[in-house]
Every structure is written in structure tokens, then in C-alpha cells.
């Protein structure tokens, strides 16, 4: 019983922090160096590819796919900060917290 109460209290604290907006949806890419953003593009692409079989066809899939395609294009066209930001948005569209470096 005590373990259940402790677990519920911890879950409530996390939920409260999320509701209050104290936990960011994803890390800011605005102050990232180009090489760091390039590394993040690679990591986010891997995360997206992992999620794809589980999320493909769901109602929010098309928006996530469009954001990811934009991000991948930006990363390939030497705009890694914009690309990483778009890929983070795509993964957030899938209701998953994007990876960070």
C-alpha cells in the first residue's frame, strides 16, 4: 500500500509540473551550433524511423510526416538548426518527447 501511495504521489508531481509548463516540450535549438544541430538531426531521424511503424496511419500521422520531411530537407540543405526544430515538431506531433543530445 505504501509503495502505491508513493508511486501515485510521484506521478502527481510529474503531472503537475507538466500542467504548469515547467517542463519544456523539447530543448531549444535556437542557440545550437551547426555541428550540434547536425548531430541532433541524425538522432531525431533515427527516433522518427523507430516510431514510424507504430504511428503510421494514425490521425496525426500526416502532419508529423510533413514536418519530418521539411526537417530532413532542411538538414540536407545545410540548415540543420531549422531541420532539427522541424524534426522535433514532427516527433512532438506523434505525442512523443523528442530526443535531445
N, C-alpha and C. Protein backbone atom coordinates (compact mmCIF):
# COMPACT_ATOMS: atom_id res chain seq x y z
N UNK A 1 0.82 -1.19 0.00
CA UNK A 1 0.00 0.00 0.00
C UNK A 1 0.87 1.26 0.00
N UNK A 2 1.93 1.23 0.79
CA UNK A 2 2.80 2.40 0.89
C UNK A 2 3.49 2.68 -0.44
N UNK A 3 3.93 1.62 -1.13
CA UNK A 3 4.58 1.80 -2.43
C UNK A 3 3.62 2.41 -3.44
N UNK A 4 2.37 2.00 -3.39
CA UNK A 4 1.36 2.55 -4.29
C UNK A 4 1.17 4.04 -4.02
N UNK A 5 1.10 4.41 -2.76
CA UNK A 5 0.90 5.82 -2.41
C UNK A 5 2.09 6.66 -2.86
N UNK A 6 3.28 6.15 -2.69
CA UNK A 6 4.48 6.88 -3.11
C UNK A 6 4.50 7.03 -4.62
N UNK A 7 4.16 5.96 -5.33
CA UNK A 7 4.13 6.00 -6.79
C UNK A 7 3.10 7.00 -7.28
N UNK A 8 1.94 7.02 -6.65
CA UNK A 8 0.89 7.96 -7.05
C UNK A 8 1.30 9.40 -6.77
N UNK A 9 1.98 9.64 -5.68
CA UNK A 9 2.44 10.99 -5.36
C UNK A 9 3.47 11.46 -6.37
N UNK A 10 4.39 10.58 -6.76
CA UNK A 10 5.40 10.94 -7.75
C UNK A 10 4.75 11.23 -9.10
N UNK A 11 3.79 10.41 -9.49
CA UNK A 11 3.09 10.63 -10.76
C UNK A 11 2.33 11.95 -10.73
N UNK A 12 1.73 12.27 -9.61
CA UNK A 12 1.02 13.54 -9.47
C UNK A 12 1.95 14.73 -9.58
N UNK A 13 3.14 14.62 -9.01
CA UNK A 13 4.10 15.71 -9.09
C UNK A 13 4.55 15.94 -10.53
N UNK A 14 4.79 14.86 -11.25
CA UNK A 14 5.19 14.99 -12.65
C UNK A 14 4.06 15.60 -13.46
N UNK A 15 2.84 15.12 -13.25
CA UNK A 15 1.69 15.66 -13.98
C UNK A 15 1.49 17.14 -13.66
N UNK A 16 1.67 17.50 -12.42
CA UNK A 16 1.53 18.90 -12.03
C UNK A 16 2.58 19.78 -12.70
N UNK A 17 3.79 19.30 -12.77
CA UNK A 17 4.85 20.07 -13.43
C UNK A 17 4.55 20.24 -14.90
N UNK A 18 4.03 19.21 -15.53
CA UNK A 18 3.68 19.30 -16.95
C UNK A 18 2.55 20.29 -17.18
N UNK A 19 1.55 20.25 -16.31
CA UNK A 19 0.42 21.17 -16.45
C UNK A 19 0.84 22.61 -16.23
N UNK A 20 1.80 22.82 -15.35
CA UNK A 20 2.25 24.18 -15.07
C UNK A 20 3.23 24.68 -16.12
N UNK A 21 3.63 23.83 -17.02
CA UNK A 21 4.52 24.26 -18.09
C UNK A 21 5.97 24.38 -17.67
N UNK A 22 6.36 23.74 -16.59
CA UNK A 22 7.74 23.87 -16.13
C UNK A 22 8.68 22.92 -16.84
N UNK A 23 8.13 21.95 -17.55
CA UNK A 23 8.97 21.02 -18.30
C UNK A 23 8.81 21.35 -19.78
N UNK A 24 9.90 21.73 -20.47
CA UNK A 24 9.77 22.10 -21.87
C UNK A 24 9.39 20.91 -22.73
N UNK A 25 8.67 21.17 -23.83
CA UNK A 25 8.27 20.10 -24.75
C UNK A 25 9.49 19.50 -25.40
N UNK A 26 10.46 20.35 -25.76
CA UNK A 26 11.73 19.87 -26.28
C UNK A 26 12.77 20.96 -26.12
N UNK A 27 14.01 20.57 -26.20
CA UNK A 27 15.10 21.52 -25.98
C UNK A 27 15.13 22.56 -27.08
N UNK A 28 15.50 23.75 -26.73
CA UNK A 28 15.60 24.83 -27.71
C UNK A 28 16.76 24.58 -28.66
N UNK A 29 16.50 24.79 -29.94
CA UNK A 29 17.55 24.62 -30.94
C UNK A 29 18.09 25.98 -31.40
N UNK A 30 17.56 27.07 -30.86
CA UNK A 30 17.93 28.40 -31.33
C UNK A 30 19.39 28.75 -31.10
N UNK A 31 20.00 28.30 -30.03
CA UNK A 31 21.37 28.66 -29.71
C UNK A 31 22.36 27.54 -30.02
N UNK A 32 21.94 26.57 -30.80
CA UNK A 32 22.77 25.42 -31.12
C UNK A 32 23.76 25.73 -32.22
N UNK A 33 24.93 25.15 -32.12
CA UNK A 33 25.89 25.28 -33.22
C UNK A 33 25.42 24.40 -34.38
N UNK A 34 25.95 24.68 -35.53
CA UNK A 34 25.57 23.93 -36.73
C UNK A 34 25.94 22.46 -36.60
N UNK A 35 27.12 22.17 -36.05
CA UNK A 35 27.53 20.77 -35.93
C UNK A 35 26.68 20.02 -34.90
N UNK A 36 26.31 20.69 -33.82
CA UNK A 36 25.45 20.07 -32.82
C UNK A 36 24.06 19.81 -33.41
N UNK A 37 23.55 20.78 -34.17
CA UNK A 37 22.24 20.61 -34.81
C UNK A 37 22.28 19.47 -35.82
N UNK A 38 23.40 19.33 -36.54
CA UNK A 38 23.53 18.23 -37.50
C UNK A 38 23.47 16.89 -36.77
N UNK A 39 24.16 16.79 -35.63
CA UNK A 39 24.12 15.57 -34.83
C UNK A 39 22.69 15.30 -34.33
N UNK A 40 22.00 16.37 -33.94
CA UNK A 40 20.63 16.21 -33.46
C UNK A 40 19.71 15.77 -34.59
N UNK A 41 19.94 16.29 -35.80
CA UNK A 41 19.15 15.84 -36.97
C UNK A 41 19.26 14.32 -37.13
N UNK A 42 20.47 13.81 -37.01
CA UNK A 42 20.69 12.38 -37.16
C UNK A 42 19.96 11.60 -36.06
N UNK A 43 20.07 12.07 -34.84
CA UNK A 43 19.44 11.38 -33.71
C UNK A 43 17.92 11.42 -33.82
N UNK A 44 17.37 12.56 -34.23
CA UNK A 44 15.92 12.69 -34.36
C UNK A 44 15.39 11.86 -35.53
N UNK A 45 16.18 11.78 -36.59
CA UNK A 45 15.79 10.95 -37.73
C UNK A 45 15.69 9.48 -37.31
N UNK A 46 16.64 9.04 -36.52
CA UNK A 46 16.63 7.66 -36.01
C UNK A 46 15.41 7.44 -35.12
N UNK A 47 15.11 8.41 -34.25
CA UNK A 47 13.94 8.28 -33.38
C UNK A 47 12.66 8.21 -34.20
N UNK A 48 12.55 9.08 -35.20
CA UNK A 48 11.35 9.10 -36.05
C UNK A 48 11.19 7.77 -36.77
N UNK A 49 12.27 7.24 -37.32
CA UNK A 49 12.20 5.97 -38.04
C UNK A 49 11.78 4.83 -37.11
N UNK A 50 12.20 4.90 -35.85
CA UNK A 50 11.78 3.91 -34.87
C UNK A 50 10.27 3.99 -34.61
N UNK A 51 9.75 5.22 -34.50
CA UNK A 51 8.34 5.43 -34.19
C UNK A 51 7.42 5.13 -35.37
N UNK A 52 7.93 5.26 -36.57
CA UNK A 52 7.12 5.17 -37.78
C UNK A 52 6.22 3.94 -37.84
N UNK A 53 6.71 2.73 -37.61
CA UNK A 53 5.81 1.57 -37.72
C UNK A 53 4.68 1.56 -36.68
N UNK A 54 4.89 2.22 -35.56
CA UNK A 54 3.89 2.23 -34.50
C UNK A 54 2.84 3.32 -34.71
N UNK A 55 3.20 4.39 -35.40
CA UNK A 55 2.32 5.55 -35.52
C UNK A 55 1.72 5.74 -36.92
N UNK A 56 2.27 5.06 -37.91
CA UNK A 56 1.81 5.21 -39.30
C UNK A 56 0.31 4.92 -39.40
N UNK A 57 -0.41 5.84 -40.03
CA UNK A 57 -1.85 5.65 -40.24
C UNK A 57 -2.73 6.27 -39.18
N UNK A 58 -2.16 6.72 -38.08
CA UNK A 58 -2.97 7.37 -37.05
C UNK A 58 -3.38 8.75 -37.52
N UNK A 59 -4.43 9.34 -36.95
CA UNK A 59 -4.96 10.62 -37.45
C UNK A 59 -3.93 11.75 -37.52
N UNK A 60 -2.96 11.78 -36.64
CA UNK A 60 -1.98 12.86 -36.62
C UNK A 60 -0.72 12.53 -37.42
N UNK A 61 -0.71 11.39 -38.09
CA UNK A 61 0.48 10.93 -38.81
C UNK A 61 0.85 11.87 -39.96
N UNK A 62 -0.11 12.34 -40.74
CA UNK A 62 0.20 13.15 -41.92
C UNK A 62 0.92 14.46 -41.56
N UNK A 63 0.48 15.11 -40.50
CA UNK A 63 1.15 16.35 -40.07
C UNK A 63 2.58 16.05 -39.62
N UNK A 64 2.75 14.99 -38.86
CA UNK A 64 4.09 14.61 -38.40
C UNK A 64 4.99 14.27 -39.58
N UNK A 65 4.46 13.56 -40.55
CA UNK A 65 5.23 13.19 -41.73
C UNK A 65 5.66 14.43 -42.52
N UNK A 66 4.76 15.39 -42.66
CA UNK A 66 5.09 16.63 -43.37
C UNK A 66 6.18 17.41 -42.62
N UNK A 67 6.06 17.52 -41.30
CA UNK A 67 7.07 18.22 -40.51
C UNK A 67 8.42 17.52 -40.61
N UNK A 68 8.40 16.19 -40.57
CA UNK A 68 9.65 15.44 -40.66
C UNK A 68 10.31 15.63 -42.03
N UNK A 69 9.51 15.60 -43.09
CA UNK A 69 10.04 15.79 -44.45
C UNK A 69 10.68 17.17 -44.57
N UNK A 70 10.03 18.19 -44.01
CA UNK A 70 10.60 19.54 -44.01
C UNK A 70 11.92 19.55 -43.26
N UNK A 71 11.96 18.92 -42.11
CA UNK A 71 13.17 18.88 -41.30
C UNK A 71 14.30 18.15 -42.00
N UNK A 72 13.99 17.04 -42.60
CA UNK A 72 15.02 16.26 -43.30
C UNK A 72 15.59 17.06 -44.47
N UNK A 73 14.71 17.76 -45.20
CA UNK A 73 15.15 18.59 -46.31
C UNK A 73 16.05 19.72 -45.81
N UNK A 74 15.63 20.39 -44.74
CA UNK A 74 16.44 21.47 -44.17
C UNK A 74 17.81 20.97 -43.73
N UNK A 75 17.85 19.82 -43.09
CA UNK A 75 19.14 19.27 -42.64
C UNK A 75 20.03 18.97 -43.85
N UNK A 76 19.46 18.46 -44.91
CA UNK A 76 20.23 18.12 -46.10
C UNK A 76 20.68 19.37 -46.86
N UNK A 77 19.96 20.48 -46.71
CA UNK A 77 20.29 21.72 -47.41
C UNK A 77 21.10 22.68 -46.54
N UNK A 78 21.85 22.13 -45.61
CA UNK A 78 22.76 22.91 -44.76
C UNK A 78 22.03 23.94 -43.89
N UNK A 79 20.84 23.59 -43.42
CA UNK A 79 20.10 24.39 -42.45
C UNK A 79 19.73 23.49 -41.28
N UNK A 80 20.75 22.96 -40.57
CA UNK A 80 20.47 21.95 -39.55
C UNK A 80 19.67 22.44 -38.35
N UNK A 81 19.81 23.71 -37.99
CA UNK A 81 19.04 24.21 -36.84
C UNK A 81 17.55 24.20 -37.17
N UNK A 82 17.21 24.70 -38.36
CA UNK A 82 15.81 24.66 -38.79
C UNK A 82 15.31 23.23 -38.93
N UNK A 83 16.18 22.38 -39.48
CA UNK A 83 15.82 20.98 -39.67
C UNK A 83 15.57 20.27 -38.35
N UNK A 84 16.44 20.49 -37.37
CA UNK A 84 16.28 19.85 -36.06
C UNK A 84 14.99 20.33 -35.41
N UNK A 85 14.70 21.62 -35.54
CA UNK A 85 13.47 22.16 -34.96
C UNK A 85 12.24 21.50 -35.60
N UNK A 86 12.24 21.36 -36.92
CA UNK A 86 11.11 20.74 -37.62
C UNK A 86 10.97 19.27 -37.23
N UNK A 87 12.09 18.58 -37.08
CA UNK A 87 12.03 17.17 -36.69
C UNK A 87 11.52 17.02 -35.26
N UNK A 88 11.91 17.93 -34.38
CA UNK A 88 11.39 17.91 -33.01
C UNK A 88 9.87 18.11 -33.03
N UNK A 89 9.42 19.03 -33.88
CA UNK A 89 7.98 19.26 -34.00
C UNK A 89 7.27 18.01 -34.51
N UNK A 90 7.89 17.34 -35.49
CA UNK A 90 7.29 16.12 -36.05
C UNK A 90 7.13 15.05 -34.97
N UNK A 91 8.14 14.87 -34.16
CA UNK A 91 8.07 13.84 -33.12
C UNK A 91 7.08 14.26 -32.03
N UNK A 92 7.02 15.54 -31.72
CA UNK A 92 6.01 16.02 -30.78
C UNK A 92 4.60 15.81 -31.33
N UNK A 93 4.44 15.97 -32.66
CA UNK A 93 3.15 15.71 -33.30
C UNK A 93 2.69 14.28 -33.07
N UNK A 94 3.64 13.38 -32.86
CA UNK A 94 3.34 11.96 -32.63
C UNK A 94 3.07 11.68 -31.14
N UNK A 95 3.02 12.75 -30.33
CA UNK A 95 2.79 12.64 -28.90
C UNK A 95 3.91 11.86 -28.21
N UNK A 96 5.14 12.14 -28.65
CA UNK A 96 6.32 11.54 -28.08
C UNK A 96 7.30 12.68 -27.80
N UNK A 97 8.03 12.59 -26.70
CA UNK A 97 9.04 13.61 -26.38
C UNK A 97 10.26 13.37 -27.28
N UNK A 98 10.68 14.39 -28.03
CA UNK A 98 11.84 14.23 -28.90
C UNK A 98 13.14 14.00 -28.12
N UNK A 99 14.02 13.21 -28.71
CA UNK A 99 15.34 13.01 -28.12
C UNK A 99 16.11 14.32 -28.11
N UNK A 100 17.08 14.40 -27.23
CA UNK A 100 17.99 15.53 -27.17
C UNK A 100 19.41 14.99 -27.16
N UNK A 101 20.36 15.87 -27.34
CA UNK A 101 21.77 15.45 -27.27
C UNK A 101 22.24 15.46 -25.85
